[in-house]
Amino acid sequence: MKKNISLRFIRIRTTIVLIVSFLIINAFIHVQFYNQRKEAKLKAEYTAE
């Protein structure tokens, strides 16, 4: 017996996957940017001493 997957279900599932992927990538980029900025600030403080 085959499952009958509706087009609406596929669209909803695709939308959810895209949103979750976007949030994960956005969080990763935010963390990387924050760490880079923090590292630059520490380097500037060290050279100022």
Protein backbone atom coordinates (compact mmCIF):
# COMPACT_ATOMS: atom_id res chain seq x y z
CA MET A 1 0.00 0.00 0.00
CA LYS A 2 1.51 3.31 -1.09
CA LYS A 3 1.28 6.46 0.95
CA ASN A 4 -0.49 9.27 -0.78
CA ILE A 5 1.58 12.37 0.02
CA SER A 6 -0.23 15.56 -0.78
CA LEU A 7 1.38 18.57 -2.37
CA ARG A 8 0.39 20.67 0.65
CA PHE A 9 2.31 18.35 3.00
CA ILE A 10 5.40 18.58 0.80
CA ARG A 11 5.23 22.39 0.75
CA ILE A 12 4.81 22.62 4.53
CA ARG A 13 7.66 20.19 5.15
CA THR A 14 9.95 22.03 2.70
CA THR A 15 9.13 25.37 4.33
CA ILE A 16 9.89 24.02 7.80
CA VAL A 17 13.20 22.55 6.63
CA LEU A 18 14.21 25.84 5.00
CA ILE A 19 13.32 27.88 8.08
CA VAL A 20 15.19 25.54 10.43
CA SER A 21 18.22 25.53 8.11
CA PHE A 22 18.17 29.33 7.94
CA LEU A 23 18.02 29.64 11.72
CA ILE A 24 20.90 27.20 12.24
CA ILE A 25 23.11 28.92 9.65
CA ASN A 26 22.19 32.36 11.01
CA ALA A 27 23.08 31.31 14.57
CA PHE A 28 26.40 29.83 13.43
CA ILE A 29 27.36 33.01 11.54
CA HIS A 30 26.34 35.15 14.52
CA VAL A 31 28.53 33.12 16.89
CA GLN A 32 31.48 33.28 14.49
CA PHE A 33 31.11 37.05 14.08
CA TYR A 34 30.83 37.55 17.85
CA ASN A 35 33.97 35.49 18.50
CA GLN A 36 35.89 37.34 15.80
CA ARG A 37 34.89 40.72 17.21
CA LYS A 38 35.77 39.60 20.74
CA GLU A 39 39.17 38.36 19.56
CA ALA A 40 39.89 41.67 17.80
CA LYS A 41 38.93 43.58 20.93
CA LEU A 42 41.24 41.46 23.09
CA LYS A 43 44.07 41.94 20.60
CA ALA A 44 43.55 45.71 20.64
CA GLU A 45 43.58 45.78 24.44
CA TYR A 46 46.76 43.72 24.54
CA THR A 47 48.58 46.03 22.10
CA ALA A 48 47.35 49.11 23.97
CA GLU A 49 49.11 47.98 27.16
